[in-house]
Protein backbone atom coordinates (compact mmCIF):
# COMPACT_ATOMS: atom_id res chain seq x y z
CA UNK A 1 -0.09 -0.16 -0.15
CA UNK A 2 2.84 2.29 1.02
CA UNK A 3 4.78 1.43 -1.84
CA UNK A 4 2.15 2.40 -4.31
CA UNK A 5 1.39 5.64 -2.34
CA UNK A 6 4.96 6.63 -2.38
CA UNK A 7 5.35 5.31 -6.02
CA UNK A 8 2.63 7.84 -7.06
CA UNK A 9 4.05 10.75 -5.43
CA UNK A 10 7.27 10.16 -7.15
CA UNK A 11 5.64 10.22 -10.24
CA UNK A 12 3.85 13.09 -9.56
CA UNK A 13 7.05 15.20 -8.05
CA UNK A 14 8.88 14.09 -11.40
CA UNK A 15 6.11 15.41 -13.66
CA UNK A 16 5.79 18.46 -11.33
CA UNK A 17 10.08 19.50 -11.53
CA UNK A 18 9.99 18.58 -15.38
CA UNK A 19 7.20 20.82 -16.01
CA UNK A 20 8.20 23.62 -14.00
CA UNK A 21 10.43 25.88 -16.21
CA UNK A 22 10.17 29.23 -14.33
CA UNK A 23 11.73 32.00 -15.74
CA UNK A 24 12.35 35.39 -14.03
CA UNK A 25 11.21 37.78 -16.35
CA UNK A 26 13.67 40.53 -17.88
CA UNK A 27 11.15 42.26 -20.28
CA UNK A 28 11.80 46.16 -20.29
CA UNK A 29 8.57 48.07 -20.05
CA UNK A 30 10.28 50.75 -22.33
CA UNK A 31 13.59 51.63 -24.09
CA UNK A 32 15.95 54.18 -22.93
CA UNK A 33 16.57 57.00 -25.22
CA UNK A 34 19.87 56.04 -26.57
CA UNK A 35 21.89 52.98 -26.87
CA UNK A 36 25.09 51.86 -28.68
CA UNK A 37 23.69 49.03 -30.77
CA UNK A 38 20.17 48.40 -31.68
CA UNK A 39 19.57 44.75 -32.78
CA UNK A 40 16.03 44.83 -34.81
CA UNK A 41 14.76 41.25 -34.59
CA UNK A 42 15.36 38.65 -31.62
CA UNK A 43 15.55 35.45 -34.30
CA UNK A 44 18.26 33.16 -34.79
CA UNK A 45 20.78 36.00 -35.37
CA UNK A 46 19.56 38.67 -33.06
CA UNK A 47 19.80 36.54 -29.64
CA UNK A 48 23.50 35.68 -31.01
CA UNK A 49 24.27 39.30 -31.43
CA UNK A 50 22.55 40.60 -28.27
CA UNK A 51 24.35 37.71 -25.83
CA UNK A 52 27.56 38.28 -27.67
CA UNK A 53 27.77 42.40 -27.79
CA UNK A 54 26.52 42.54 -24.20
CA UNK A 55 29.08 40.29 -22.56
CA UNK A 56 31.41 43.64 -22.73
CA UNK A 57 29.75 45.81 -19.55
CA UNK A 58 30.50 49.02 -21.51
CA UNK A 59 28.38 48.21 -24.56
CA UNK A 60 24.46 49.20 -23.90
CA UNK A 61 22.52 47.03 -25.99
CA UNK A 62 18.65 47.25 -26.96
CA UNK A 63 17.15 44.14 -29.19
CA UNK A 64 13.56 44.78 -30.41
CA UNK A 65 11.13 41.99 -30.85
CA UNK A 66 7.82 42.61 -32.68
CA UNK A 67 6.70 39.29 -31.15
CA UNK A 68 5.96 38.48 -27.27
CA UNK A 69 7.58 35.78 -25.37
CA UNK A 70 8.29 32.34 -26.63
CA UNK A 71 7.26 31.03 -23.11
CA UNK A 72 3.80 31.95 -23.86
CA UNK A 73 2.74 28.99 -25.56
CA UNK A 74 3.67 25.57 -24.40
CA UNK A 75 3.92 23.53 -27.74
CA UNK A 76 6.95 25.72 -28.57
CA UNK A 77 9.49 23.42 -26.00
CA UNK A 78 7.81 20.07 -27.40
CA UNK A 79 9.67 18.96 -30.56
CA UNK A 80 6.93 17.01 -32.03
CA UNK A 81 4.42 19.87 -31.97
CA UNK A 82 6.03 22.03 -34.51
CA UNK A 83 3.21 21.95 -36.73
CA UNK A 84 0.73 23.02 -34.34
CA UNK A 85 2.68 26.44 -34.38
CA UNK A 86 1.74 27.20 -37.83
CA UNK A 87 -1.00 29.98 -38.35
CA UNK A 88 -0.40 30.47 -34.73
CA UNK A 89 0.14 34.31 -32.98
CA UNK A 90 3.97 33.10 -32.79
CA UNK A 91 3.85 32.68 -36.55
CA UNK A 92 3.97 35.78 -39.22
CA UNK A 93 2.07 33.54 -41.36
CA UNK A 94 3.60 35.00 -44.74
CA UNK A 95 1.92 34.05 -48.14
CA UNK A 96 3.94 34.20 -51.67
CA UNK A 97 2.42 35.65 -54.62
CA UNK A 98 0.78 33.30 -56.50
CA UNK A 99 3.19 31.01 -58.51
CA UNK A 100 2.97 30.45 -62.50
CA UNK A 101 4.96 27.70 -62.60
CA UNK A 102 4.86 25.87 -59.15
CA UNK A 103 2.23 25.48 -56.15
CA UNK A 104 -0.21 24.19 -58.29
CA UNK A 105 -1.73 22.28 -55.54
CA UNK A 106 -1.83 24.89 -52.93
CA UNK A 107 -4.50 27.62 -52.11
CA UNK A 108 -4.61 30.11 -54.72
CA UNK A 109 -1.22 29.08 -56.01
CA UNK A 110 0.39 30.44 -52.95
CA UNK A 111 3.22 28.85 -50.64
CA UNK A 112 2.56 29.59 -46.83
CA UNK A 113 5.67 30.89 -45.53
CA UNK A 114 6.05 30.23 -41.80
CA UNK A 115 8.27 32.78 -39.91
CA UNK A 116 8.58 32.84 -35.88
CA UNK A 117 6.95 35.90 -34.31
CA UNK A 118 8.77 35.75 -30.87
CA UNK A 119 11.88 35.66 -28.88
CA UNK A 120 14.19 33.38 -30.36
CA UNK A 121 12.19 33.85 -33.99
CA UNK A 122 11.95 31.04 -36.38
CA UNK A 123 14.33 28.88 -34.39
CA UNK A 124 11.02 28.45 -31.99
CA UNK A 125 8.98 27.36 -34.58
CA UNK A 126 11.42 25.10 -37.20
CA UNK A 127 12.26 21.66 -37.43
CA UNK A 128 15.56 21.88 -35.02
CA UNK A 129 17.53 20.25 -37.84
CA UNK A 130 21.37 21.00 -37.47
CA UNK A 131 22.75 20.88 -40.93
CA UNK A 132 25.82 23.31 -41.74
CA UNK A 133 26.51 23.25 -45.38
CA UNK A 134 29.14 22.14 -47.86
CA UNK A 135 32.55 23.50 -47.42
CA UNK A 136 32.44 24.54 -51.17
CA UNK A 137 29.42 26.59 -49.79
CA UNK A 138 31.61 29.27 -47.85
CA UNK A 139 34.48 28.73 -50.39
CA UNK A 140 32.15 29.77 -53.20
CA UNK A 141 31.15 32.66 -50.84
CA UNK A 142 34.85 34.12 -50.61
CA UNK A 143 35.15 33.65 -54.67
CA UNK A 144 31.95 35.70 -55.19
CA UNK A 145 33.49 38.53 -53.21
CA UNK A 146 32.87 37.78 -49.58
CA UNK A 147 36.19 38.31 -48.01
CA UNK A 148 37.04 36.33 -44.92
CA UNK A 149 33.82 33.83 -45.22
CA UNK A 150 35.67 30.89 -46.41
CA UNK A 151 35.21 27.67 -45.08
CA UNK A 152 38.69 27.72 -42.69
CA UNK A 153 37.58 31.37 -41.93
CA UNK A 154 34.13 30.22 -40.58
CA UNK A 155 34.26 26.66 -39.12
CA UNK A 156 35.63 28.32 -35.82
CA UNK A 157 32.40 29.89 -35.58
CA UNK A 158 30.23 26.92 -35.92
CA UNK A 159 32.21 25.19 -33.25
CA UNK A 160 32.17 27.85 -30.92
CA UNK A 161 28.54 27.89 -30.49
CA UNK A 162 28.01 24.22 -30.54
CA UNK A 163 27.75 21.97 -27.45
CA UNK A 164 27.59 18.46 -29.36
CA UNK A 165 26.41 15.41 -27.59
CA UNK A 166 27.34 12.72 -29.60
CA UNK A 167 30.33 11.57 -28.38
CA UNK A 168 31.68 10.23 -31.91
CA UNK A 169 31.01 13.82 -33.33
CA UNK A 170 32.85 15.46 -30.48
CA UNK A 171 36.12 13.46 -31.28
CA UNK A 172 36.29 14.55 -34.85
CA UNK A 173 37.65 17.80 -34.25
CA UNK A 174 34.94 19.35 -36.63
CA UNK A 175 32.36 20.13 -33.26
CA UNK A 176 32.06 22.15 -30.42
CA UNK A 177 31.82 21.24 -27.15
CA UNK A 178 30.50 23.42 -24.34
CA UNK A 179 29.10 26.10 -26.43
CA UNK A 180 25.68 27.43 -25.23
CA UNK A 181 23.86 25.51 -28.23
CA UNK A 182 22.86 22.03 -27.27
CA UNK A 183 23.00 19.57 -30.43
CA UNK A 184 21.94 16.28 -30.27
CA UNK A 185 20.67 12.88 -31.93
CA UNK A 186 16.87 12.77 -31.45
CA UNK A 187 16.36 9.84 -33.81
CA UNK A 188 14.13 7.06 -31.73
CA UNK A 189 12.15 4.96 -34.29
CA UNK A 190 14.23 1.48 -35.43
CA UNK A 191 13.12 3.43 -38.86
CA UNK A 192 16.48 5.54 -38.97
CA UNK A 193 18.77 2.58 -38.51
CA UNK A 194 16.61 0.86 -41.36
CA UNK A 195 17.04 4.20 -43.50
CA UNK A 196 20.80 3.92 -42.83
CA UNK A 197 21.03 0.62 -44.20
CA UNK A 198 19.03 1.37 -47.11
CA UNK A 199 21.72 3.84 -47.77
CA UNK A 200 24.57 1.86 -47.37
CA UNK A 201 22.88 -0.43 -49.92
CA UNK A 202 22.94 2.28 -52.77
CA UNK A 203 26.43 3.11 -51.85
CA UNK A 204 25.76 5.87 -50.10
CA UNK A 205 28.33 7.25 -46.90
CA UNK A 206 27.22 6.87 -43.96
CA UNK A 207 28.53 9.66 -41.20
CA UNK A 208 28.55 12.79 -40.12
CA UNK A 209 27.38 15.10 -42.65
CA UNK A 210 28.68 18.29 -40.54
CA UNK A 211 32.36 16.75 -40.23
CA UNK A 212 34.89 16.21 -42.89
CA UNK A 213 32.86 15.18 -45.66
CA UNK A 214 29.32 16.11 -46.57
CA UNK A 215 27.81 14.00 -49.08
CA UNK A 216 26.11 10.87 -47.64
CA UNK A 217 23.55 10.32 -44.97
CA UNK A 218 23.38 10.46 -41.06
CA UNK A 219 21.08 10.61 -38.08
CA UNK A 220 19.52 13.81 -37.50
CA UNK A 221 21.21 16.20 -35.53
CA UNK A 222 19.07 18.68 -33.77
CA UNK A 223 19.03 21.35 -31.30
CA UNK A 224 17.27 19.59 -28.54
CA UNK A 225 18.13 19.31 -24.77
CA UNK A 226 16.97 16.59 -22.48
CA UNK A 227 13.69 16.25 -24.71
CA UNK A 228 13.08 20.13 -25.52
CA UNK A 229 13.72 22.26 -27.87
CA UNK A 230 16.81 24.31 -27.20
CA UNK A 231 16.60 27.59 -29.50
CA UNK A 232 18.84 30.39 -29.56
CA UNK A 233 16.27 32.27 -27.05
CA UNK A 234 17.11 29.37 -24.89
CA UNK A 235 20.93 29.32 -25.72
CA UNK A 236 22.03 32.65 -26.01
CA UNK A 237 19.30 35.57 -25.10
CA UNK A 238 17.86 34.15 -21.72
CA UNK A 239 21.08 33.48 -20.12
CA UNK A 240 22.18 37.30 -21.10
CA UNK A 241 18.85 38.91 -20.14
CA UNK A 242 19.78 39.77 -16.48
CA UNK A 243 22.81 42.10 -17.49
CA UNK A 244 22.13 45.30 -16.60
CA UNK A 245 23.42 46.91 -20.37
CA UNK A 246 20.97 44.60 -22.15
CA UNK A 247 17.47 45.65 -22.58
CA UNK A 248 14.79 43.39 -24.42
CA UNK A 249 11.82 45.23 -25.49
CA UNK A 250 8.91 42.69 -27.07
CA UNK A 251 5.84 43.67 -29.12
CA UNK A 252 7.96 46.55 -30.81
CA UNK A 253 7.36 46.54 -34.36
CA UNK A 254 10.06 48.66 -36.33
CA UNK A 255 8.79 51.13 -38.80
CA UNK A 256 12.11 52.15 -40.14
CA UNK A 257 15.65 53.00 -39.85
CA UNK A 258 16.46 56.82 -39.18
CA UNK A 259 19.51 58.54 -40.83
CA UNK A 260 21.32 61.71 -40.32
CA UNK A 261 22.30 62.03 -44.39
CA UNK A 262 24.36 58.66 -44.95
CA UNK A 263 24.45 57.62 -41.20
CA UNK A 264 21.91 55.41 -39.26
CA UNK A 265 20.82 57.29 -36.19
CA UNK A 266 18.55 54.83 -34.80
CA UNK A 267 14.94 53.44 -35.06
CA UNK A 268 11.29 53.94 -35.13
CA UNK A 269 8.72 51.86 -33.82
CA UNK A 270 5.19 50.94 -32.43
CA UNK A 271 5.06 49.65 -28.89
CA UNK A 272 2.06 49.78 -26.80
CA UNK A 273 0.01 51.47 -29.59
CA UNK A 274 2.47 54.54 -29.49
CA UNK A 275 4.87 55.45 -32.02
CA UNK A 276 8.44 56.01 -30.42
CA UNK A 277 11.85 56.62 -31.55
CA UNK A 278 15.36 55.36 -30.22
CA UNK A 279 18.96 56.64 -31.00
CA UNK A 280 22.12 54.16 -31.73
CA UNK A 281 25.44 55.56 -31.04
CA UNK A 282 27.20 53.51 -32.59
CA UNK A 283 25.08 51.12 -34.99
CA UNK A 284 21.88 49.68 -35.96
CA UNK A 285 21.88 45.87 -36.50
CA UNK A 286 18.85 44.61 -38.57
CA UNK A 287 18.43 40.96 -37.78
CA UNK A 288 14.89 40.76 -38.88
CA UNK A 289 15.28 38.04 -41.41
CA UNK A 290 15.52 37.59 -45.12
CA UNK A 291 11.74 38.83 -45.41
CA UNK A 292 11.74 41.80 -42.98
CA UNK A 293 15.29 43.08 -43.15
CA UNK A 294 14.87 43.88 -46.52
CA UNK A 295 11.42 45.19 -45.77
CA UNK A 296 12.47 47.70 -43.11
CA UNK A 297 15.55 48.76 -45.69
CA UNK A 298 13.12 49.64 -48.13
CA UNK A 299 10.57 51.53 -45.50
CA UNK A 300 13.68 53.50 -44.67
CA UNK A 301 14.90 54.54 -48.22
CA UNK A 302 17.38 51.84 -48.92
CA UNK A 303 16.43 49.68 -51.86
CA UNK A 304 15.83 49.92 -56.04
CA UNK A 305 15.02 53.90 -56.26
CA UNK A 306 12.61 53.56 -58.93
CA UNK A 307 10.77 50.61 -56.89
CA UNK A 308 10.93 53.22 -53.73
CA UNK A 309 9.84 56.41 -56.11
CA UNK A 310 6.60 54.46 -57.13
CA UNK A 311 5.62 54.36 -53.50
CA UNK A 312 6.58 57.97 -52.32
CA UNK A 313 9.53 56.78 -50.78
CA UNK A 314 12.50 59.09 -50.39
CA UNK A 315 15.48 57.32 -51.62
CA UNK A 316 18.66 57.16 -49.20
CA UNK A 317 20.65 54.48 -51.00
CA UNK A 318 19.84 53.06 -54.36
CA UNK A 319 20.52 49.09 -53.90
CA UNK A 320 19.27 46.09 -54.77
CA UNK A 321 18.08 45.28 -51.58
CA UNK A 322 15.22 42.41 -51.91
CA UNK A 323 16.61 41.23 -54.97
CA UNK A 324 18.82 37.57 -55.15
CA UNK A 325 15.97 36.09 -52.87
CA UNK A 326 16.79 32.18 -52.91
CA UNK A 327 14.68 29.54 -51.04
CA UNK A 328 15.23 25.43 -50.79
CA UNK A 329 11.56 24.24 -52.18
CA UNK A 330 10.74 20.70 -52.02
CA UNK A 331 8.00 18.17 -51.45
CA UNK A 332 6.36 17.27 -48.21
CA UNK A 333 4.03 14.03 -48.79
CA UNK A 334 5.71 12.52 -51.80
CA UNK A 335 6.69 9.66 -52.11
CA UNK A 336 4.74 7.97 -49.09
CA UNK A 337 4.99 4.25 -47.98
CA UNK A 338 3.04 1.99 -45.98
CA UNK A 339 4.73 -0.57 -43.89
CA UNK A 340 3.98 -3.70 -42.13
CA UNK A 341 6.01 -3.19 -38.95
CA UNK A 342 4.40 -1.03 -36.61
CA UNK A 343 7.33 1.46 -36.25
CA UNK A 344 6.24 4.88 -37.53
CA UNK A 345 4.29 7.68 -35.78
CA UNK A 346 0.81 7.81 -36.07
CA UNK A 347 -1.63 10.40 -34.42
CA UNK A 348 -3.00 8.16 -31.94
CA UNK A 349 0.22 6.89 -30.60
CA UNK A 350 1.70 10.69 -30.54
CA UNK A 351 -1.35 11.69 -28.73
CA UNK A 352 -1.74 8.58 -26.29
CA UNK A 353 -1.47 9.24 -22.62
CA UNK A 354 1.89 6.78 -22.76
CA UNK A 355 3.76 9.23 -25.05
CA UNK A 356 2.56 12.12 -22.73
CA UNK A 357 3.76 10.46 -19.50
CA UNK A 358 6.87 9.24 -21.00
CA UNK A 359 7.77 12.96 -22.15
CA UNK A 360 6.70 14.37 -18.69
CA UNK A 361 8.60 11.87 -16.87
CA UNK A 362 11.34 11.65 -18.81
CA UNK A 363 11.94 13.73 -22.03
CA UNK A 364 11.56 10.83 -24.24
CA UNK A 365 9.29 9.09 -26.86
CA UNK A 366 7.75 10.97 -29.75
CA UNK A 367 6.97 14.00 -28.46
CA UNK A 368 10.57 14.75 -27.63
CA UNK A 369 11.74 14.29 -31.20
CA UNK A 370 11.41 16.69 -34.20
CA UNK A 371 10.09 13.37 -35.85
CA UNK A 372 12.22 13.70 -38.83
CA UNK A 373 15.23 11.01 -38.35
CA UNK A 374 17.74 11.02 -41.16
CA UNK A 375 19.36 13.90 -43.56
CA UNK A 376 20.84 12.63 -46.67
CA UNK A 377 23.10 15.15 -48.90
CA UNK A 378 23.02 13.80 -52.54
CA UNK A 379 24.83 15.19 -55.71
CA UNK A 380 22.56 13.64 -58.66
CA UNK A 381 23.27 13.35 -62.18
CA UNK A 382 21.59 16.88 -62.75
CA UNK A 383 23.73 18.73 -60.35
CA UNK A 384 25.24 21.85 -61.69
CA UNK A 385 28.80 20.60 -62.51
CA UNK A 386 29.95 24.10 -62.65
CA UNK A 387 29.14 24.86 -59.16
CA UNK A 388 30.61 21.30 -58.19
CA UNK A 389 27.78 21.06 -55.14
CA UNK A 390 25.27 18.63 -54.28
CA UNK A 391 21.84 19.63 -55.54
CA UNK A 392 19.71 17.82 -53.20
CA UNK A 393 19.13 17.04 -49.53
CA UNK A 394 16.55 13.75 -48.64
CA UNK A 395 15.08 14.29 -45.01
CA UNK A 396 13.69 10.88 -44.04
CA UNK A 397 10.08 11.08 -41.85
CA UNK A 398 8.54 7.98 -39.70
CA UNK A 399 5.08 9.27 -40.62
CA UNK A 400 3.06 10.09 -43.76
CA UNK A 401 0.83 13.54 -44.02
CA UNK A 402 -2.09 11.55 -43.00
CA UNK A 403 -0.45 11.78 -39.58
CA UNK A 404 -2.82 15.15 -38.79
CA UNK A 405 -6.31 16.06 -39.51
CA UNK A 406 -7.34 18.36 -42.80
CA UNK A 407 -6.33 21.46 -41.32
CA UNK A 408 -3.01 20.09 -40.00
CA UNK A 409 -1.96 19.37 -43.47
CA UNK A 410 -3.28 22.63 -44.67
CA UNK A 411 -1.45 24.28 -41.99
CA UNK A 412 1.85 22.19 -42.43
CA UNK A 413 2.10 22.75 -46.47
CA UNK A 414 -0.47 24.94 -47.50
CA UNK A 415 -2.08 22.43 -50.07
CA UNK A 416 -5.99 23.49 -51.38
CA UNK A 417 -8.71 21.68 -49.34
CA UNK A 418 -9.77 20.10 -52.56
CA UNK A 419 -6.53 18.69 -53.30
CA UNK A 420 -6.25 17.30 -49.40
CA UNK A 421 -9.62 15.59 -49.85
CA UNK A 422 -8.95 14.66 -53.67
CA UNK A 423 -5.63 13.02 -52.69
CA UNK A 424 -7.57 11.17 -49.50
CA UNK A 425 -5.05 11.96 -46.78
CA UNK A 426 -7.85 10.82 -44.38
CA UNK A 427 -7.80 7.22 -45.41
CA UNK A 428 -3.78 7.27 -44.18
CA UNK A 429 -4.91 8.38 -40.66
CA UNK A 430 -3.33 6.37 -38.36
CA UNK A 431 -1.87 3.82 -40.81
CA UNK A 432 2.01 2.90 -40.40
CA UNK A 433 3.44 5.10 -42.80
CA UNK A 434 6.80 6.61 -43.83
CA UNK A 435 7.98 9.47 -46.08
CA UNK A 436 10.72 11.46 -48.00
CA UNK A 437 11.56 14.96 -48.17
CA UNK A 438 13.36 15.79 -51.30
CA UNK A 439 14.42 19.35 -51.68
CA UNK A 440 16.36 21.58 -54.04
CA UNK A 441 19.54 22.88 -52.74
CA UNK A 442 20.80 25.32 -55.10
CA UNK A 443 18.29 26.90 -57.35
CA UNK A 444 18.58 28.50 -60.53
CA UNK A 445 15.34 30.34 -60.14
CA UNK A 446 15.66 33.63 -58.33
CA UNK A 447 13.02 35.31 -56.96
CA UNK A 448 12.45 38.85 -54.89
CA UNK A 449 10.79 40.78 -52.15
CA UNK A 450 9.01 43.95 -52.97
CA UNK A 451 6.98 46.23 -50.58
CA UNK A 452 3.05 46.19 -50.85
CA UNK A 453 2.29 49.62 -49.63
CA UNK A 454 4.69 52.22 -47.73
CA UNK A 455 2.87 50.92 -44.39
CA UNK A 456 5.10 48.92 -42.31
CA UNK A 457 2.26 46.84 -41.07
CA UNK A 458 1.09 45.19 -44.77
CA UNK A 459 3.24 42.50 -45.65
CA UNK A 460 5.91 42.53 -48.48
CA UNK A 461 5.58 40.61 -51.77
CA UNK A 462 6.98 37.76 -51.79
CA UNK A 463 8.02 36.12 -55.23
CA UNK A 464 10.22 33.09 -55.07
CA UNK A 465 9.67 32.22 -58.63
CA UNK A 466 9.78 28.77 -58.05
CA UNK A 467 10.68 26.46 -60.74
CA UNK A 468 11.05 29.23 -63.30
CA UNK A 469 14.50 27.48 -64.40
CA UNK A 470 13.67 24.29 -65.82
CA UNK A 471 17.03 22.92 -64.38
CA UNK A 472 15.24 23.11 -60.98
CA UNK A 473 12.56 20.92 -61.85
CA UNK A 474 15.27 18.28 -63.53
CA UNK A 475 17.27 18.19 -60.34
CA UNK A 476 14.12 17.84 -58.16
CA UNK A 477 12.76 14.77 -60.13
CA UNK A 478 16.34 13.12 -60.04
CA UNK A 479 15.82 13.54 -55.87
CA UNK A 480 12.30 11.62 -55.90
CA UNK A 481 13.93 9.02 -57.71
CA UNK A 482 16.63 8.71 -55.29
CA UNK A 483 14.00 8.73 -52.75
CA UNK A 484 12.12 6.02 -54.07
CA UNK A 485 15.44 4.00 -54.68
CA UNK A 486 15.81 4.11 -50.97
CA UNK A 487 12.47 2.40 -50.54
CA UNK A 488 13.07 -0.14 -53.02
CA UNK A 489 16.18 -1.70 -50.82
CA UNK A 490 16.17 -4.92 -48.91
CA UNK A 491 16.19 -2.81 -45.71
CA UNK A 492 13.16 -1.33 -46.60
CA UNK A 493 11.55 -4.80 -48.38
CA UNK A 494 12.33 -6.46 -44.89
CA UNK A 495 9.36 -4.23 -43.35
CA UNK A 496 6.84 -4.79 -46.29
CA UNK A 497 7.59 -1.17 -47.59
CA UNK A 498 4.93 -0.63 -50.57
CA UNK A 499 4.37 3.06 -52.44
CA UNK A 500 1.02 4.54 -51.89
CA UNK A 501 0.22 4.65 -55.49
CA UNK A 502 -2.56 7.10 -55.45
CA UNK A 503 -2.43 9.23 -58.56
CA UNK A 504 -1.61 13.00 -57.58
CA UNK A 505 -4.48 14.90 -58.24
CA UNK A 506 -3.61 16.73 -61.59
CA UNK A 507 -1.16 14.57 -62.66
CA UNK A 508 -3.14 11.78 -64.11
CA UNK A 509 -2.60 12.12 -67.84
CA UNK A 510 1.32 11.03 -66.97
CA UNK A 511 2.44 7.30 -66.59
CA UNK A 512 3.06 6.93 -62.63
CA UNK A 513 6.52 7.75 -61.94
CA UNK A 514 7.51 8.70 -65.29
CA UNK A 515 9.74 11.84 -65.10
CA UNK A 516 6.79 13.69 -66.58
CA UNK A 517 4.61 12.60 -63.82
CA UNK A 518 7.14 13.64 -61.39
CA UNK A 519 7.71 16.86 -63.05
CA UNK A 520 3.78 17.23 -62.53
CA UNK A 521 4.16 16.33 -58.98
CA UNK A 522 6.81 18.89 -58.34
CA UNK A 523 5.33 21.71 -59.63
CA UNK A 524 1.76 20.51 -57.72
CA UNK A 525 2.94 19.51 -54.43
CA UNK A 526 5.76 22.51 -54.07
CA UNK A 527 6.73 23.43 -50.59
CA UNK A 528 8.84 25.87 -48.78
CA UNK A 529 11.38 24.11 -47.00
CA UNK A 530 11.47 27.17 -45.02
CA UNK A 531 15.11 28.75 -45.69
CA UNK A 532 14.81 32.26 -47.28
CA UNK A 533 18.20 33.80 -48.08
CA UNK A 534 20.05 36.51 -50.18
CA UNK A 535 17.85 39.45 -50.24
CA UNK A 536 20.50 41.34 -48.66
CA UNK A 537 23.35 39.89 -50.45
CA UNK A 538 26.88 40.17 -49.16
CA UNK A 539 29.40 40.82 -51.82
CA UNK A 540 32.56 42.80 -52.94
CA UNK A 541 32.44 46.81 -53.50
CA UNK A 542 32.20 46.51 -57.34
CA UNK A 543 29.66 43.40 -57.35
CA UNK A 544 26.54 45.50 -58.64
CA UNK A 545 24.14 43.04 -56.99
CA UNK A 546 25.36 43.37 -53.56
CA UNK A 547 23.67 45.33 -50.35
CA UNK A 548 26.04 44.66 -48.11
CA UNK A 549 30.22 44.44 -47.54
CA UNK A 550 31.91 41.60 -46.07
CA UNK A 551 31.60 43.32 -42.94
CA UNK A 552 27.92 42.98 -43.41
CA UNK A 553 28.03 46.51 -43.56
CA UNK A 554 25.30 48.43 -45.90
CA UNK A 555 27.17 49.64 -48.96
CA UNK A 556 27.42 53.39 -49.08
CA UNK A 557 25.83 54.21 -45.33
CA UNK A 558 27.19 54.10 -42.03
CA UNK A 559 26.21 52.74 -38.54
CA UNK A 560 24.13 50.25 -40.14
CA UNK A 561 24.52 46.56 -40.77
CA UNK A 562 22.57 43.95 -41.69
CA UNK A 563 22.95 40.17 -39.67
CA UNK A 564 20.85 37.33 -40.74
CA UNK A 565 20.17 34.52 -43.43
CA UNK A 566 19.46 37.55 -46.03
CA UNK A 567 23.42 38.54 -46.30
CA UNK A 568 24.27 34.79 -47.76
CA UNK A 569 25.64 35.23 -51.31
CA UNK A 570 24.50 32.25 -52.66
CA UNK A 571 22.62 29.93 -50.07
CA UNK A 572 23.67 26.58 -48.36
CA UNK A 573 23.80 22.92 -49.24
CA UNK A 574 21.79 22.64 -46.11
CA UNK A 575 18.94 23.88 -43.78
CA UNK A 576 20.08 27.44 -42.90
CA UNK A 577 19.53 27.87 -39.07
CA UNK A 578 23.36 26.66 -38.45
CA UNK A 579 24.75 28.74 -40.98
CA UNK A 580 22.79 31.97 -39.64
CA UNK A 581 24.06 31.34 -35.96
CA UNK A 582 27.28 31.25 -37.73
CA UNK A 583 26.98 34.22 -39.30
CA UNK A 584 25.98 36.20 -36.06
CA UNK A 585 28.76 34.85 -34.39
CA UNK A 586 31.34 36.29 -36.83
CA UNK A 587 29.42 39.47 -37.06
CA UNK A 588 29.55 39.95 -32.98
CA UNK A 589 33.72 39.57 -33.52
CA UNK A 590 33.34 42.11 -36.33
CA UNK A 591 31.13 44.46 -34.70
CA UNK A 592 33.58 44.38 -31.63
CA UNK A 593 36.55 44.83 -33.55
CA UNK A 594 35.33 48.06 -35.21
CA UNK A 595 34.50 49.51 -31.66
CA UNK A 596 38.52 49.29 -31.17
């Protein structure tokens, strides 16, 4: 009797202890009149900058975030619940303009572009995948005019932020130990090992894709710590918020950068329904991301002069802001396979009381996983030989899109409701399935971001121009074929893997799995993989397409930098979060050096 009572008390105490993540709030009620550095955006780059710049107690730092606290939504910390954050108040919920050559199965042919609207930004709504990129990516940056950004230059900054928990990887010399950002292996189903065995069967290397070599497959690395999402706000901002020289202001919507001639002097913002101003004694740093950093620049008069004149915005600097938009597009939900073994994640299994108890007690089980389990980087026959880089990433998922209800499918990928019904996702609810996500790493199709109006609260026009270049379609078709080859191996046949062969709506006129059919699938089920870059491109002083120089200073202006994924000269062969944190780490050192 007493043993049972003690056991119940112990379980209750463990749950209570785990769920109590009490954090003292250091959020400011208002800002001072002046700071040394003003950082706009508390996302993946902004949080790093705020932490690093405020390490020097003589630096007065303000970081402005348009959203609220990440602690307001309990699902933020639960890795498997990332999909529930889409179209929530923590999501900006952007949409692209209707696409001509893609998104045929999406509502109004528009792609949903979720971006985090809270402390931590998109690091609090994303898939948590830690993939750095190819050595050649960064060497290419330097060749394009980004002096000081070669692989040998930036590797120390990847390592600086990282605390990798994989014992094998820690010994390689390519990973950091003891940094603030925890990176761990999160695969938890037998399907992870089966997928790696399948990759070996096809002759691919299996091992760390963030180490000496990138091509190959490995068990997913993610910013997850003890079963919880470990975002940049957890790793960088929260530990620094008690510093008296760092002020954090939330629900502060920046409307423009202010100038005195060619020098940035501060920002204007809306906070508590009031318009306010704050001055920067040294620098204004835009870290609002690849959508909103260019938007703020253009609203401030920094951008294509002709476009700004159309909106009666006075030009401060005529620069190609918003151009060179690149995004990793792919397909979520094709190809999918039934399996005979009960190894995958189903809706009932994910939401069961057993899963909930495992998570609350031990931080284990499906809720503690980002659900995606394997990353693979491949170079198909369609890869650009001149670029010399891989063209496809493959992400393995131990579930199908039937994991969720109709609204969940829409929130996750943006497919039209009719498409969702016609493709019959409901039939596969709680069926054991697996899927592969092929994504295009180096799109030749280039898009842009433009202002819709001069009102900062109106969303900008986002046009990724998906599949405008036929070479992109050829690569993604080859990527789908690699996914199918993996599922045809002995490793997957052993668990009874069979392709779901229902015809994708709109593609019935093509022979199933022919190149024409796969192209139709790619253009119909087009999905962003959430990695916009390049809209404030970094480059040499003689590069007419560059907005920022290799020090990330906005060209022709003083006291203004951009530090986020928008400065990438060419997108990386990877998910972009790790590289964005690296950029901020390097930028912090540049900014500190400029003060000396």
